[in-house]
Each structure stands twice: as structure tokens, then as C-alpha cells.
Amino acid sequence: MLHHIRAVSVPILTDDFRQELLEEAQSYPLRYINNSMGSGENEVKQEMYLQNQLHMGDAFGELLRDFQTLFNDSISGCGFFDAEVVFNDWIIQKYEPGYIGITPHRDRTDYRHMICLFVLSGHGRFYISKDRAKRDSMEIANLPGDVILMPGPGFRGMHHRPFHYLEDITTGRWIFGLRHDETKLNGERDNSD
């Protein structure tokens, strides 16, 4: 059944630990991003604050260690992945109410195996779709304390990258993302959509 899943959300963070993570996220300087990439039917628009130069302080370091262990012990041993999963790419994203969020897009192909998005606070609507035109959109639960899991290339031998997007942000939304970035292991980068 797992090879049919495009994304799933699981409540994972206690309120106390989520608050600790949020406070650590708020201590980082963020840079504002409001741009578009690509053109025509391949255009992706985004509006957010972000920081991807993290020193992985106390709370984030604990989350990374514990989640990596949980992942390795309970998931990666099931034979779903074509290589060891190492969460070596970290990002904080902040979306303010009224921001466009990010339009339908796929993560880079070098983000392999599993994309993990921890919702630290706020509300917005997160969707998976068939394409950039939002066909067959399916909303994924994403409450504070949830982690959204999306497969990447290398999951069950597939090369699928789900289109996903965020919109209708109603309260300040903070996300912490964990990814396995193949380029950090071999020094090359694929910037495709």
C-alpha cells in the first residue's frame, strides 16, 4: 500500500517540544523570499521567510537525532529505500497570513527518499496534486505538531516526485524541513523543477 501514498501526515511532536522548537526557530535571522521561478506553465511563485544555514541547536539537534534514529529503526529497514537515508538538509520556513505560500511544484530530484515537513505553528492548506494545474488535488492534514511525509526518488524504486503546494495561510506558519540531499553526498546538484 505504501507505494500508492503521495503524502501522509502524522502527529508526532508534543506541545512542549513543539514550543521549544518554535522558540529556537524564531531565534534565527530569516530572509524574505517573494519571487517566481520558471516561466509559462512551469512557473512557480513563492512568498515566505526562510533560513537554511542552521547550526542545529539544542531542540533541532535533538529532533534530528531522535527522528533519524526512529526513521532508521522503524522505516528504512523495511527495504523501501535504495540507499541509506541521511537527513542532511535542514530548513526553516515562515509564512505570514495572506502570503501566497508556494504554488504547485516538485522538489529537486536530489532530494531523495523522504521529505519531512514538521509543522511548528500556524495554519495553511497543504495539498498534493497531479500537476501544476492542481488537478486531482488532495488536502493533507497539517496541524501544529504534525509531520508531513512525502516520498522522493529512491522510495520503493520509484522516481516519483509529488506536486505539492501551500495556500490560504491564516495564521503565522512555521515549518522545519528535513531532507536527504544527494548533492551533499556526491557534490553535484540537479535544479530541475
N, C-alpha and C. Protein backbone atom coordinates (compact mmCIF):
# COMPACT_ATOMS: atom_id res chain seq x y z
N MET A 1 0.81 -1.20 0.00
CA MET A 1 0.00 0.00 0.00
C MET A 1 0.85 1.26 0.00
N LEU A 2 2.02 1.28 0.64
CA LEU A 2 2.80 2.50 0.75
C LEU A 2 3.24 3.06 -0.59
N HIS A 3 3.39 2.22 -1.61
CA HIS A 3 3.83 2.74 -2.90
C HIS A 3 2.75 3.57 -3.58
N HIS A 4 1.49 3.56 -3.07
CA HIS A 4 0.42 4.38 -3.62
C HIS A 4 0.29 5.72 -2.90
N ILE A 5 0.98 5.89 -1.78
CA ILE A 5 0.85 7.11 -0.98
C ILE A 5 1.66 8.24 -1.60
N ARG A 6 1.00 9.39 -1.81
CA ARG A 6 1.69 10.57 -2.32
C ARG A 6 2.17 11.45 -1.18
N ALA A 7 1.49 11.40 -0.04
CA ALA A 7 1.88 12.14 1.16
C ALA A 7 1.02 11.66 2.31
N VAL A 8 1.56 11.79 3.50
CA VAL A 8 0.80 11.42 4.69
C VAL A 8 1.24 12.36 5.81
N SER A 9 0.33 12.63 6.73
CA SER A 9 0.63 13.49 7.87
C SER A 9 0.43 12.69 9.14
N VAL A 10 1.36 12.84 10.08
CA VAL A 10 1.33 12.07 11.32
C VAL A 10 1.57 13.02 12.48
N PRO A 11 0.71 13.01 13.51
CA PRO A 11 1.01 13.82 14.70
C PRO A 11 2.20 13.20 15.43
N ILE A 12 3.23 14.02 15.69
CA ILE A 12 4.47 13.44 16.23
C ILE A 12 5.07 14.27 17.37
N LEU A 13 4.88 15.58 17.39
CA LEU A 13 5.52 16.43 18.39
C LEU A 13 4.60 16.72 19.56
N THR A 14 5.12 16.61 20.77
CA THR A 14 4.36 17.05 21.94
C THR A 14 4.29 18.58 21.90
N ASP A 15 3.29 19.14 22.56
CA ASP A 15 3.15 20.60 22.56
C ASP A 15 4.36 21.28 23.18
N ASP A 16 4.89 20.73 24.27
CA ASP A 16 6.05 21.35 24.93
C ASP A 16 7.27 21.35 24.01
N PHE A 17 7.54 20.22 23.35
CA PHE A 17 8.70 20.15 22.48
C PHE A 17 8.49 20.99 21.22
N ARG A 18 7.27 21.01 20.71
CA ARG A 18 6.96 21.85 19.54
C ARG A 18 7.23 23.31 19.87
N GLN A 19 6.82 23.75 21.08
CA GLN A 19 7.05 25.13 21.50
C GLN A 19 8.55 25.42 21.62
N GLU A 20 9.30 24.46 22.12
CA GLU A 20 10.76 24.61 22.22
C GLU A 20 11.39 24.77 20.83
N LEU A 21 10.93 23.96 19.89
CA LEU A 21 11.41 24.06 18.50
C LEU A 21 11.05 25.41 17.90
N LEU A 22 9.83 25.87 18.15
CA LEU A 22 9.36 27.15 17.61
C LEU A 22 10.22 28.29 18.15
N GLU A 23 10.51 28.27 19.44
CA GLU A 23 11.34 29.33 20.03
C GLU A 23 12.74 29.33 19.43
N GLU A 24 13.30 28.14 19.20
CA GLU A 24 14.61 28.07 18.56
C GLU A 24 14.53 28.58 17.12
N ALA A 25 13.46 28.23 16.39
CA ALA A 25 13.30 28.71 15.01
C ALA A 25 13.23 30.23 14.98
N GLN A 26 12.53 30.82 15.94
CA GLN A 26 12.36 32.27 15.98
C GLN A 26 13.65 33.00 16.34
N SER A 27 14.65 32.28 16.83
CA SER A 27 15.93 32.92 17.17
C SER A 27 16.83 33.12 15.96
N TYR A 28 16.51 32.49 14.84
CA TYR A 28 17.32 32.61 13.62
C TYR A 28 16.94 33.86 12.83
N PRO A 29 17.91 34.52 12.21
CA PRO A 29 17.57 35.58 11.25
C PRO A 29 17.03 34.93 9.98
N LEU A 30 15.96 35.47 9.46
CA LEU A 30 15.32 34.91 8.27
C LEU A 30 15.46 35.89 7.11
N ARG A 31 15.45 35.36 5.89
CA ARG A 31 15.45 36.24 4.73
C ARG A 31 14.12 36.08 3.98
N TYR A 32 13.63 37.21 3.48
CA TYR A 32 12.34 37.25 2.79
C TYR A 32 12.52 36.83 1.34
N ILE A 33 11.65 35.95 0.89
CA ILE A 33 11.65 35.46 -0.49
C ILE A 33 10.26 35.75 -1.07
N ASN A 34 10.22 36.47 -2.17
CA ASN A 34 8.97 36.71 -2.89
C ASN A 34 9.35 36.76 -4.37
N ASN A 35 9.27 35.61 -5.02
CA ASN A 35 9.72 35.56 -6.41
C ASN A 35 8.98 34.47 -7.17
N SER A 36 9.36 34.37 -8.42
CA SER A 36 8.84 33.28 -9.24
C SER A 36 10.03 32.65 -9.97
N MET A 37 9.89 31.36 -10.22
CA MET A 37 10.92 30.60 -10.93
C MET A 37 10.27 29.93 -12.12
N GLY A 38 11.01 29.77 -13.18
CA GLY A 38 10.44 29.16 -14.38
C GLY A 38 9.56 30.17 -15.09
N SER A 39 8.88 29.70 -16.14
CA SER A 39 8.00 30.59 -16.89
C SER A 39 6.86 29.79 -17.50
N GLY A 40 5.85 30.52 -17.92
CA GLY A 40 4.69 29.88 -18.55
C GLY A 40 4.05 28.87 -17.63
N GLU A 41 3.74 27.69 -18.16
CA GLU A 41 3.06 26.67 -17.35
C GLU A 41 3.99 26.04 -16.31
N ASN A 42 5.29 26.32 -16.38
CA ASN A 42 6.24 25.80 -15.39
C ASN A 42 6.58 26.81 -14.30
N GLU A 43 5.90 27.94 -14.29
CA GLU A 43 6.19 28.97 -13.30
C GLU A 43 5.77 28.54 -11.89
N VAL A 44 6.64 28.80 -10.94
CA VAL A 44 6.36 28.54 -9.52
C VAL A 44 6.55 29.86 -8.78
N LYS A 45 5.52 30.28 -8.04
CA LYS A 45 5.59 31.51 -7.24
C LYS A 45 5.67 31.12 -5.77
N GLN A 46 6.44 31.91 -5.02
CA GLN A 46 6.56 31.65 -3.59
C GLN A 46 6.72 32.95 -2.83
N GLU A 47 6.22 32.95 -1.59
CA GLU A 47 6.39 34.08 -0.69
C GLU A 47 6.51 33.53 0.72
N MET A 48 7.67 33.80 1.33
CA MET A 48 7.95 33.25 2.66
C MET A 48 9.21 33.91 3.20
N TYR A 49 9.51 33.60 4.43
CA TYR A 49 10.82 33.85 5.02
C TYR A 49 11.48 32.48 5.16
N LEU A 50 12.80 32.43 5.06
CA LEU A 50 13.47 31.14 5.25
C LEU A 50 14.87 31.31 5.79
N GLN A 51 15.38 30.21 6.31
CA GLN A 51 16.76 30.11 6.76
C GLN A 51 17.20 28.66 6.59
N ASN A 52 18.28 28.46 5.84
CA ASN A 52 18.78 27.10 5.67
C ASN A 52 20.22 26.95 6.13
N GLN A 53 20.73 27.97 6.81
CA GLN A 53 22.05 27.89 7.42
C GLN A 53 21.85 27.70 8.92
N LEU A 54 21.56 26.49 9.33
CA LEU A 54 21.21 26.21 10.71
C LEU A 54 22.37 25.56 11.45
N HIS A 55 22.57 25.96 12.68
CA HIS A 55 23.62 25.33 13.48
C HIS A 55 23.06 24.17 14.29
N MET A 56 21.78 23.90 14.13
CA MET A 56 21.12 22.76 14.78
C MET A 56 21.37 22.79 16.29
N GLY A 57 20.82 23.83 16.93
CA GLY A 57 20.94 24.00 18.38
C GLY A 57 20.28 22.88 19.16
N ASP A 58 20.02 23.14 20.38
CA ASP A 58 19.56 22.09 21.30
C ASP A 58 18.31 21.36 20.81
N ALA A 59 17.22 22.10 20.57
CA ALA A 59 15.96 21.44 20.20
C ALA A 59 16.03 20.81 18.81
N PHE A 60 16.52 21.54 17.82
CA PHE A 60 16.61 20.99 16.46
C PHE A 60 17.60 19.84 16.40
N GLY A 61 18.70 19.95 17.12
CA GLY A 61 19.66 18.84 17.17
C GLY A 61 19.04 17.59 17.76
N GLU A 62 18.25 17.77 18.82
CA GLU A 62 17.57 16.63 19.44
C GLU A 62 16.55 16.01 18.48
N LEU A 63 15.77 16.87 17.81
CA LEU A 63 14.79 16.37 16.85
C LEU A 63 15.48 15.59 15.74
N LEU A 64 16.55 16.15 15.18
CA LEU A 64 17.27 15.48 14.10
C LEU A 64 17.77 14.11 14.56
N ARG A 65 18.45 14.06 15.71
CA ARG A 65 18.99 12.78 16.21
C ARG A 65 17.88 11.77 16.46
N ASP A 66 16.82 12.21 17.17
CA ASP A 66 15.75 11.27 17.51
C ASP A 66 14.97 10.81 16.29
N PHE A 67 14.68 11.74 15.37
CA PHE A 67 13.91 11.36 14.19
C PHE A 67 14.73 10.47 13.27
N GLN A 68 16.03 10.78 13.12
CA GLN A 68 16.90 9.93 12.29
C GLN A 68 16.93 8.51 12.85
N THR A 69 17.04 8.39 14.18
CA THR A 69 17.06 7.07 14.82
C THR A 69 15.73 6.36 14.63
N LEU A 70 14.62 7.07 14.87
CA LEU A 70 13.28 6.49 14.68
C LEU A 70 13.11 6.04 13.24
N PHE A 71 13.52 6.87 12.31
CA PHE A 71 13.39 6.56 10.89
C PHE A 71 14.20 5.32 10.54
N ASN A 72 15.45 5.31 10.96
CA ASN A 72 16.32 4.18 10.65
C ASN A 72 15.82 2.88 11.28
N ASP A 73 15.38 2.96 12.54
CA ASP A 73 14.96 1.76 13.26
C ASP A 73 13.63 1.20 12.77
N SER A 74 12.70 2.09 12.36
CA SER A 74 11.36 1.60 12.06
C SER A 74 10.97 1.63 10.60
N ILE A 75 11.64 2.43 9.80
CA ILE A 75 11.20 2.58 8.41
C ILE A 75 12.25 2.11 7.41
N SER A 76 13.48 2.62 7.55
CA SER A 76 14.45 2.34 6.49
C SER A 76 14.83 0.87 6.43
N GLY A 77 14.64 0.11 7.50
CA GLY A 77 14.93 -1.31 7.48
C GLY A 77 13.91 -2.15 6.74
N CYS A 78 12.85 -1.53 6.24
CA CYS A 78 11.78 -2.26 5.56
C CYS A 78 12.06 -2.49 4.08
N GLY A 79 13.18 -2.01 3.58
CA GLY A 79 13.52 -2.22 2.18
C GLY A 79 12.85 -1.25 1.22
N PHE A 80 12.33 -0.14 1.73
CA PHE A 80 11.65 0.84 0.88
C PHE A 80 12.61 1.75 0.14
N PHE A 81 13.88 1.80 0.56
CA PHE A 81 14.80 2.79 0.02
C PHE A 81 15.98 2.11 -0.66
N ASP A 82 16.51 2.76 -1.70
CA ASP A 82 17.61 2.17 -2.46
C ASP A 82 18.98 2.47 -1.87
N ALA A 83 19.03 3.24 -0.78
CA ALA A 83 20.29 3.56 -0.10
C ALA A 83 19.96 4.03 1.31
N GLU A 84 20.97 4.19 2.12
CA GLU A 84 20.76 4.70 3.47
C GLU A 84 20.21 6.11 3.42
N VAL A 85 19.21 6.40 4.24
CA VAL A 85 18.61 7.72 4.30
C VAL A 85 19.34 8.52 5.38
N VAL A 86 19.89 9.67 4.98
CA VAL A 86 20.58 10.56 5.90
C VAL A 86 19.95 11.94 5.76
N PHE A 87 19.34 12.43 6.84
CA PHE A 87 18.72 13.76 6.79
C PHE A 87 19.82 14.81 6.98
N ASN A 88 20.33 15.31 5.85
CA ASN A 88 21.48 16.22 5.87
C ASN A 88 21.15 17.61 5.32
N ASP A 89 19.87 17.90 5.10
CA ASP A 89 19.44 19.20 4.61
C ASP A 89 18.31 19.69 5.51
N TRP A 90 18.49 20.89 6.07
CA TRP A 90 17.54 21.41 7.06
C TRP A 90 17.13 22.82 6.67
N ILE A 91 15.87 23.15 6.87
CA ILE A 91 15.39 24.49 6.52
C ILE A 91 14.25 24.89 7.46
N ILE A 92 14.21 26.18 7.78
CA ILE A 92 13.09 26.78 8.49
C ILE A 92 12.36 27.66 7.47
N GLN A 93 11.03 27.54 7.43
CA GLN A 93 10.22 28.38 6.56
C GLN A 93 9.13 29.03 7.40
N LYS A 94 8.91 30.31 7.17
CA LYS A 94 7.86 31.06 7.88
C LYS A 94 6.95 31.72 6.84
N TYR A 95 5.66 31.50 6.98
CA TYR A 95 4.65 32.08 6.09
C TYR A 95 3.72 32.96 6.92
N GLU A 96 3.54 34.20 6.50
CA GLU A 96 2.66 35.12 7.20
C GLU A 96 1.25 35.03 6.63
N PRO A 97 0.23 35.37 7.44
CA PRO A 97 -1.14 35.38 6.91
C PRO A 97 -1.25 36.25 5.67
N GLY A 98 -1.95 35.76 4.68
CA GLY A 98 -2.13 36.49 3.43
C GLY A 98 -1.05 36.25 2.39
N TYR A 99 0.07 35.62 2.77
CA TYR A 99 1.11 35.31 1.80
C TYR A 99 0.59 34.28 0.80
N ILE A 100 1.16 34.30 -0.41
CA ILE A 100 0.72 33.32 -1.42
C ILE A 100 1.18 31.91 -1.07
N GLY A 101 2.17 31.79 -0.19
CA GLY A 101 2.70 30.46 0.13
C GLY A 101 3.62 30.01 -0.99
N ILE A 102 3.31 28.87 -1.57
CA ILE A 102 4.09 28.38 -2.72
C ILE A 102 3.15 27.62 -3.64
N THR A 103 3.22 27.93 -4.92
CA THR A 103 2.33 27.31 -5.90
C THR A 103 2.80 25.90 -6.22
N PRO A 104 1.99 25.10 -6.93
CA PRO A 104 2.36 23.70 -7.19
C PRO A 104 3.75 23.56 -7.80
N HIS A 105 4.53 22.68 -7.20
CA HIS A 105 5.91 22.44 -7.62
C HIS A 105 6.32 21.06 -7.16
N ARG A 106 7.45 20.63 -7.67
CA ARG A 106 8.08 19.39 -7.19
C ARG A 106 9.45 19.75 -6.62
N ASP A 107 9.85 19.04 -5.57
CA ASP A 107 11.19 19.26 -5.01
C ASP A 107 12.24 18.74 -5.99
N ARG A 108 13.45 19.24 -5.84
CA ARG A 108 14.55 18.82 -6.72
C ARG A 108 14.73 17.30 -6.68
N THR A 109 15.27 16.77 -7.75
CA THR A 109 15.48 15.32 -7.81
C THR A 109 16.55 14.86 -6.83
N ASP A 110 17.45 15.78 -6.41
CA ASP A 110 18.46 15.34 -5.44
C ASP A 110 17.91 15.21 -4.03
N TYR A 111 16.70 15.70 -3.77
CA TYR A 111 16.03 15.42 -2.50
C TYR A 111 15.42 14.03 -2.61
N ARG A 112 16.11 13.06 -2.04
CA ARG A 112 15.76 11.66 -2.26
C ARG A 112 15.08 11.03 -1.05
N HIS A 113 14.43 9.93 -1.31
CA HIS A 113 13.87 9.02 -0.31
C HIS A 113 12.62 9.56 0.38
N MET A 114 12.77 10.58 1.24
CA MET A 114 11.62 11.06 2.01
C MET A 114 11.82 12.52 2.37
N ILE A 115 10.79 13.33 2.13
CA ILE A 115 10.78 14.73 2.52
C ILE A 115 9.92 14.82 3.77
N CYS A 116 10.43 15.46 4.81
CA CYS A 116 9.74 15.53 6.11
C CYS A 116 9.54 16.99 6.49
N LEU A 117 8.29 17.42 6.64
CA LEU A 117 7.97 18.80 6.98
C LEU A 117 7.25 18.82 8.33
N PHE A 118 7.91 19.35 9.35
CA PHE A 118 7.34 19.43 10.68
C PHE A 118 6.63 20.77 10.83
N VAL A 119 5.34 20.74 11.18
CA VAL A 119 4.57 21.96 11.36
C VAL A 119 4.75 22.41 12.81
N LEU A 120 5.41 23.56 12.99
CA LEU A 120 5.69 24.06 14.33
C LEU A 120 4.59 24.97 14.84
N SER A 121 3.94 25.71 13.95
CA SER A 121 2.82 26.57 14.34
C SER A 121 2.10 27.05 13.10
N GLY A 122 0.91 27.61 13.32
CA GLY A 122 0.17 28.25 12.25
C GLY A 122 -0.70 27.32 11.44
N HIS A 123 -1.49 27.96 10.58
CA HIS A 123 -2.43 27.20 9.76
C HIS A 123 -2.37 27.67 8.31
N GLY A 124 -2.37 26.71 7.43
CA GLY A 124 -2.44 26.93 5.99
C GLY A 124 -2.94 25.62 5.39
N ARG A 125 -3.30 25.65 4.14
CA ARG A 125 -3.82 24.44 3.49
C ARG A 125 -2.74 23.87 2.58
N PHE A 126 -2.36 22.62 2.85
CA PHE A 126 -1.29 21.93 2.13
C PHE A 126 -1.93 20.87 1.24
N TYR A 127 -1.53 20.85 -0.02
CA TYR A 127 -2.14 19.94 -1.00
C TYR A 127 -1.07 19.18 -1.77
N ILE A 128 -1.45 18.00 -2.21
CA ILE A 128 -0.74 17.22 -3.21
C ILE A 128 -1.62 17.24 -4.46
N SER A 129 -1.01 17.37 -5.63
CA SER A 129 -1.81 17.38 -6.86
C SER A 129 -1.11 16.57 -7.94
N LYS A 130 -1.85 16.34 -9.00
CA LYS A 130 -1.31 15.57 -10.13
C LYS A 130 -0.32 16.40 -10.95
N ASP A 131 -0.55 17.72 -10.98
CA ASP A 131 0.27 18.59 -11.81
C ASP A 131 0.18 20.03 -11.32
N ARG A 132 0.80 20.96 -12.05
CA ARG A 132 0.80 22.36 -11.65
C ARG A 132 -0.57 23.01 -11.81
N ALA A 133 -1.45 22.40 -12.58
CA ALA A 133 -2.80 22.93 -12.75
C ALA A 133 -3.71 22.53 -11.59
N LYS A 134 -3.18 21.87 -10.57
CA LYS A 134 -3.89 21.45 -9.36
C LYS A 134 -4.93 20.36 -9.62
N ARG A 135 -4.77 19.62 -10.73
CA ARG A 135 -5.72 18.53 -10.99
C ARG A 135 -5.59 17.46 -9.92
N ASP A 136 -6.72 16.88 -9.56
CA ASP A 136 -6.78 15.80 -8.56
C ASP A 136 -6.11 16.20 -7.25
N SER A 137 -6.31 17.45 -6.84
CA SER A 137 -5.71 17.90 -5.58
C SER A 137 -6.30 17.16 -4.40
N MET A 138 -5.44 16.86 -3.44
CA MET A 138 -5.85 16.20 -2.21
C MET A 138 -5.23 16.97 -1.05
N GLU A 139 -6.07 17.46 -0.14
CA GLU A 139 -5.55 18.20 1.01
C GLU A 139 -4.99 17.22 2.03
N ILE A 140 -3.83 17.58 2.58
CA ILE A 140 -3.16 16.76 3.58
C ILE A 140 -3.25 17.49 4.91
N ALA A 141 -3.68 16.79 5.96
CA ALA A 141 -3.75 17.39 7.29
C ALA A 141 -2.38 17.94 7.65
N ASN A 142 -2.36 19.09 8.30
CA ASN A 142 -1.07 19.69 8.66
C ASN A 142 -1.24 20.63 9.84
N LEU A 143 -1.60 20.05 10.97
CA LEU A 143 -1.78 20.82 12.19
C LEU A 143 -0.45 20.98 12.91
N PRO A 144 -0.32 22.01 13.76
CA PRO A 144 0.90 22.13 14.56
C PRO A 144 1.17 20.84 15.33
N GLY A 145 2.40 20.36 15.22
CA GLY A 145 2.79 19.09 15.84
C GLY A 145 2.83 17.93 14.87
N ASP A 146 2.27 18.12 13.67
CA ASP A 146 2.28 17.07 12.64
C ASP A 146 3.59 17.09 11.86
N VAL A 147 3.94 15.94 11.29
CA VAL A 147 4.99 15.89 10.28
C VAL A 147 4.34 15.37 9.00
N ILE A 148 4.57 16.08 7.91
CA ILE A 148 4.11 15.66 6.59
C ILE A 148 5.25 14.89 5.95
N LEU A 149 4.96 13.68 5.49
CA LEU A 149 5.96 12.83 4.84
C LEU A 149 5.58 12.66 3.37
N MET A 150 6.53 12.97 2.49
CA MET A 150 6.32 12.80 1.05
C MET A 150 7.46 11.97 0.48
N PRO A 151 7.16 11.01 -0.38
CA PRO A 151 8.23 10.21 -0.97
C PRO A 151 9.02 11.02 -2.00
N GLY A 152 10.29 10.67 -2.12
CA GLY A 152 11.14 11.25 -3.15
C GLY A 152 11.73 10.13 -3.99
N PRO A 153 12.50 10.47 -5.01
CA PRO A 153 13.16 9.43 -5.81
C PRO A 153 13.96 8.48 -4.92
N GLY A 154 13.88 7.20 -5.22
CA GLY A 154 14.56 6.21 -4.40
C GLY A 154 13.65 5.52 -3.41
N PHE A 155 12.42 6.01 -3.25
CA PHE A 155 11.44 5.36 -2.38
C PHE A 155 10.76 4.25 -3.18
N ARG A 156 10.88 3.03 -2.74
CA ARG A 156 10.30 1.87 -3.39
C ARG A 156 10.75 1.75 -4.85
N GLY A 157 11.96 2.19 -5.15
CA GLY A 157 12.49 2.07 -6.51
C GLY A 157 11.87 3.02 -7.51
N MET A 158 11.04 3.96 -7.04
CA MET A 158 10.36 4.88 -7.95
C MET A 158 11.18 6.15 -8.12
N HIS A 159 10.79 6.94 -9.11
CA HIS A 159 11.42 8.23 -9.34
C HIS A 159 10.40 9.36 -9.21
N HIS A 160 9.26 9.04 -8.61
CA HIS A 160 8.15 9.98 -8.49
C HIS A 160 8.47 11.11 -7.50
N ARG A 161 8.11 12.33 -7.89
CA ARG A 161 8.19 13.50 -7.01
C ARG A 161 6.82 14.15 -7.03
N PRO A 162 6.08 14.10 -5.94
CA PRO A 162 4.72 14.64 -5.97
C PRO A 162 4.69 16.17 -6.08
N PHE A 163 3.77 16.67 -6.90
CA PHE A 163 3.49 18.10 -6.91
C PHE A 163 2.81 18.43 -5.58
N HIS A 164 3.20 19.54 -4.98
CA HIS A 164 2.57 19.96 -3.73
C HIS A 164 2.58 21.48 -3.66
N TYR A 165 1.68 22.01 -2.84
CA TYR A 165 1.58 23.46 -2.71
C TYR A 165 0.93 23.83 -1.38
N LEU A 166 1.16 25.09 -0.99
CA LEU A 166 0.62 25.63 0.26
C LEU A 166 -0.08 26.94 -0.05
N GLU A 167 -1.30 27.10 0.47
CA GLU A 167 -2.05 28.33 0.26
C GLU A 167 -2.99 28.57 1.44
N ASP A 168 -3.73 29.67 1.38
CA ASP A 168 -4.71 30.03 2.41
C ASP A 168 -4.08 30.03 3.81
N ILE A 169 -2.98 30.76 3.95
CA ILE A 169 -2.32 30.86 5.25
C ILE A 169 -3.11 31.85 6.10
N THR A 170 -3.62 31.38 7.22
CA THR A 170 -4.49 32.21 8.05
C THR A 170 -3.82 32.69 9.33
N THR A 171 -2.82 31.96 9.82
CA THR A 171 -2.04 32.41 10.99
C THR A 171 -0.58 32.11 10.71
N GLY A 172 0.31 32.88 11.33
CA GLY A 172 1.75 32.73 11.10
C GLY A 172 2.18 31.28 11.17
N ARG A 173 2.74 30.78 10.11
CA ARG A 173 3.04 29.35 9.99
C ARG A 173 4.54 29.14 9.92
N TRP A 174 5.05 28.29 10.80
CA TRP A 174 6.47 27.94 10.85
C TRP A 174 6.62 26.46 10.53
N ILE A 175 7.54 26.15 9.63
CA ILE A 175 7.82 24.78 9.20
C ILE A 175 9.31 24.50 9.39
N PHE A 176 9.62 23.29 9.81
CA PHE A 176 11.01 22.82 9.83
C PHE A 176 11.09 21.62 8.90
N GLY A 177 11.93 21.71 7.87
CA GLY A 177 12.03 20.64 6.89
C GLY A 177 13.32 19.86 7.02
N LEU A 178 13.20 18.54 6.90
CA LEU A 178 14.34 17.62 6.86
C LEU A 178 14.31 16.89 5.52
N ARG A 179 15.48 16.85 4.85
CA ARG A 179 15.57 16.15 3.57
C ARG A 179 16.92 15.44 3.48
N HIS A 180 16.95 14.43 2.63
CA HIS A 180 18.19 13.76 2.26
C HIS A 180 18.62 14.37 0.94
N ASP A 181 19.69 15.16 0.95
CA ASP A 181 20.17 15.84 -0.25
C ASP A 181 21.35 15.08 -0.81
N GLU A 182 21.14 14.43 -1.95
CA GLU A 182 22.17 13.61 -2.58
C GLU A 182 23.41 14.43 -2.95
N THR A 183 23.21 15.73 -3.28
CA THR A 183 24.35 16.55 -3.69
C THR A 183 25.34 16.76 -2.56
N LYS A 184 24.87 16.71 -1.35
CA LYS A 184 25.77 16.89 -0.21
C LYS A 184 26.61 15.64 0.02
N LEU A 185 26.23 14.55 -0.64
CA LEU A 185 27.00 13.32 -0.54
C LEU A 185 27.96 13.16 -1.70
N ASN A 186 27.57 13.69 -2.89
CA ASN A 186 28.44 13.50 -4.07
C ASN A 186 28.88 14.79 -4.76
N GLY A 187 28.43 15.95 -4.26
CA GLY A 187 28.92 17.22 -4.79
C GLY A 187 28.27 17.73 -6.05
N GLU A 188 27.19 17.10 -6.54
CA GLU A 188 26.51 17.58 -7.74
C GLU A 188 25.10 18.00 -7.39
N ARG A 189 24.52 18.87 -8.19
CA ARG A 189 23.18 19.35 -7.91
C ARG A 189 22.33 19.35 -9.17
N ASP A 190 21.07 18.87 -9.02
CA ASP A 190 20.09 18.92 -10.10
C ASP A 190 19.05 19.95 -9.71
N ASN A 191 18.88 21.01 -10.48
CA ASN A 191 17.94 22.08 -10.14
C ASN A 191 16.63 21.98 -10.89
N SER A 192 16.29 20.81 -11.39
CA SER A 192 15.02 20.70 -12.13
C SER A 192 13.85 20.94 -11.20
N ASP A 193 12.76 21.33 -11.75
CA ASP A 193 11.56 21.82 -11.08
C ASP A 193 11.26 21.14 -9.78
